C-alpha atoms as a PDB file:
ATOM      1  CA  UNK A   1      95.380 160.518  62.734  1.00  0.00           C
ATOM      2  CA  UNK A   2      93.017 159.412  65.429  1.00  0.00           C
ATOM      3  CA  UNK A   3      93.556 158.009  68.870  1.00  0.00           C
ATOM      4  CA  UNK A   4      94.130 154.569  67.373  1.00  0.00           C
ATOM      5  CA  UNK A   5      96.902 156.013  65.219  1.00  0.00           C
ATOM      6  CA  UNK A   6      98.574 157.445  68.306  1.00  0.00           C
ATOM      7  CA  UNK A   7      98.350 154.107  70.112  1.00  0.00           C
ATOM      8  CA  UNK A   8      99.757 152.341  67.043  1.00  0.00           C
ATOM      9  CA  UNK A   9     102.659 154.785  66.972  1.00  0.00           C
ATOM     10  CA  UNK A  10     103.356 154.064  70.646  1.00  0.00           C
ATOM     11  CA  UNK A  11     103.364 150.358  69.827  1.00  0.00           C
ATOM     12  CA  UNK A  12     105.879 151.022  67.071  1.00  0.00           C
ATOM     13  CA  UNK A  13     107.926 153.095  69.521  1.00  0.00           C
ATOM     14  CA  UNK A  14     107.914 150.148  71.904  1.00  0.00           C
ATOM     15  CA  UNK A  15     109.267 147.834  69.225  1.00  0.00           C
ATOM     16  CA  UNK A  16     111.967 150.160  67.896  1.00  0.00           C
ATOM     17  CA  UNK A  17     112.441 153.410  69.849  1.00  0.00           C
ATOM     18  CA  UNK A  18     115.549 154.373  67.889  1.00  0.00           C
ATOM     19  CA  UNK A  19     113.680 154.326  64.576  1.00  0.00           C
ATOM     20  CA  UNK A  20     110.753 156.301  66.016  1.00  0.00           C
ATOM     21  CA  UNK A  21     113.122 158.919  67.431  1.00  0.00           C
ATOM     22  CA  UNK A  22     114.957 159.227  64.103  1.00  0.00           C
ATOM     23  CA  UNK A  23     111.635 159.717  62.313  1.00  0.00           C
ATOM     24  CA  UNK A  24     110.651 162.373  64.871  1.00  0.00           C
ATOM     25  CA  UNK A  25     113.919 164.264  64.498  1.00  0.00           C
ATOM     26  CA  UNK A  26     113.902 164.058  60.712  1.00  0.00           C
ATOM     27  CA  UNK A  27     110.275 165.132  60.472  1.00  0.00           C
ATOM     28  CA  UNK A  28     110.190 167.902  63.069  1.00  0.00           C
ATOM     29  CA  UNK A  29     113.712 169.243  63.399  1.00  0.00           C
ATOM     30  CA  UNK A  30     115.488 168.492  60.169  1.00  0.00           C
ATOM     31  CA  UNK A  31     113.181 168.837  57.169  1.00  0.00           C
ATOM     32  CA  UNK A  32     114.043 165.854  55.022  1.00  0.00           C
ATOM     33  CA  UNK A  33     112.384 163.108  53.055  1.00  0.00           C
ATOM     34  CA  UNK A  34     110.124 161.136  55.444  1.00  0.00           C
ATOM     35  CA  UNK A  35     109.655 158.397  52.843  1.00  0.00           C
ATOM     36  CA  UNK A  36     113.174 157.225  53.618  1.00  0.00           C
ATOM     37  CA  UNK A  37     111.961 155.165  56.568  1.00  0.00           C
ATOM     38  CA  UNK A  38     108.901 153.616  54.934  1.00  0.00           C
ATOM     39  CA  UNK A  39     110.552 150.247  54.258  1.00  0.00           C
ATOM     40  CA  UNK A  40     111.901 150.004  57.800  1.00  0.00           C
ATOM     41  CA  UNK A  41     108.510 150.958  59.229  1.00  0.00           C
ATOM     42  CA  UNK A  42     106.697 148.393  57.098  1.00  0.00           C
ATOM     43  CA  UNK A  43     109.184 145.746  58.189  1.00  0.00           C
ATOM     44  CA  UNK A  44     108.394 146.625  61.833  1.00  0.00           C
ATOM     45  CA  UNK A  45     104.667 146.243  61.101  1.00  0.00           C
ATOM     46  CA  UNK A  46     103.738 149.935  61.291  1.00  0.00           C
ATOM     47  CA  UNK A  47     101.263 150.932  58.604  1.00  0.00           C
ATOM     48  CA  UNK A  48     100.479 154.574  59.494  1.00  0.00           C
ATOM     49  CA  UNK A  49     102.245 157.598  58.023  1.00  0.00           C
ATOM     50  CA  UNK A  50     105.447 159.092  59.373  1.00  0.00           C
ATOM     51  CA  UNK A  51     103.736 162.260  60.633  1.00  0.00           C
ATOM     52  CA  UNK A  52     101.528 160.194  62.926  1.00  0.00           C
ATOM     53  CA  UNK A  53     104.580 158.348  64.210  1.00  0.00           C
ATOM     54  CA  UNK A  54     106.408 161.625  64.819  1.00  0.00           C
ATOM     55  CA  UNK A  55     103.415 163.124  66.644  1.00  0.00           C
ATOM     56  CA  UNK A  56     102.938 160.026  68.790  1.00  0.00           C
ATOM     57  CA  UNK A  57     106.616 159.895  69.661  1.00  0.00           C
ATOM     58  CA  UNK A  58     106.636 163.588  70.590  1.00  0.00           C
ATOM     59  CA  UNK A  59     103.583 163.058  72.804  1.00  0.00           C
ATOM     60  CA  UNK A  60     105.228 160.074  74.463  1.00  0.00           C
ATOM     61  CA  UNK A  61     108.411 162.023  75.187  1.00  0.00           C
ATOM     62  CA  UNK A  62     106.481 164.995  76.570  1.00  0.00           C
ATOM     63  CA  UNK A  63     104.390 162.752  78.834  1.00  0.00           C
ATOM     64  CA  UNK A  64     107.534 161.027  80.120  1.00  0.00           C
ATOM     65  CA  UNK A  65     109.241 164.375  80.755  1.00  0.00           C
ATOM     66  CA  UNK A  66     106.183 165.719  82.605  1.00  0.00           C
ATOM     67  CA  UNK A  67     105.953 162.634  84.815  1.00  0.00           C
ATOM     68  CA  UNK A  68     109.676 162.732  85.630  1.00  0.00           C
ATOM     69  CA  UNK A  69     109.552 166.451  86.371  1.00  0.00           C
ATOM     70  CA  UNK A  70     106.454 166.056  88.555  1.00  0.00           C
ATOM     71  CA  UNK A  71     108.075 163.224  90.496  1.00  0.00           C
ATOM     72  CA  UNK A  72     111.203 165.267  91.174  1.00  0.00           C
ATOM     73  CA  UNK A  73     109.140 168.354  92.036  1.00  0.00           C
ATOM     74  CA  UNK A  74     106.866 166.529  94.486  1.00  0.00           C
ATOM     75  CA  UNK A  75     109.620 164.562  96.218  1.00  0.00           C
ATOM     76  CA  UNK A  76     112.260 167.288  96.331  1.00  0.00           C
ATOM     77  CA  UNK A  77     111.968 167.979 100.046  1.00  0.00           C
ATOM     78  CA  UNK A  78     111.754 164.320 101.023  1.00  0.00           C
ATOM     79  CA  UNK A  79     114.352 162.553  98.914  1.00  0.00           C
ATOM     80  CA  UNK A  80     116.746 165.053  97.402  1.00  0.00           C
ATOM     81  CA  UNK A  81     117.948 167.209 100.326  1.00  0.00           C
END
């Protein structure tokens, strides 16, 4: 799982965010069989493992949350009151 694997997982997230989110939830939150999504992932063109996809999706969500929170925090006095 290198930086290229993370970028590949973000590319897969861009193609099918619902599938990437389901893989993240099933891998991290609900311990289940991650092989269940292998055929769907191969059909989407993603060749890495499901753990890399789950880690990349979690990183993408945390970056998006941090940016949204920072935007609201920095513009609170100007736009929101």
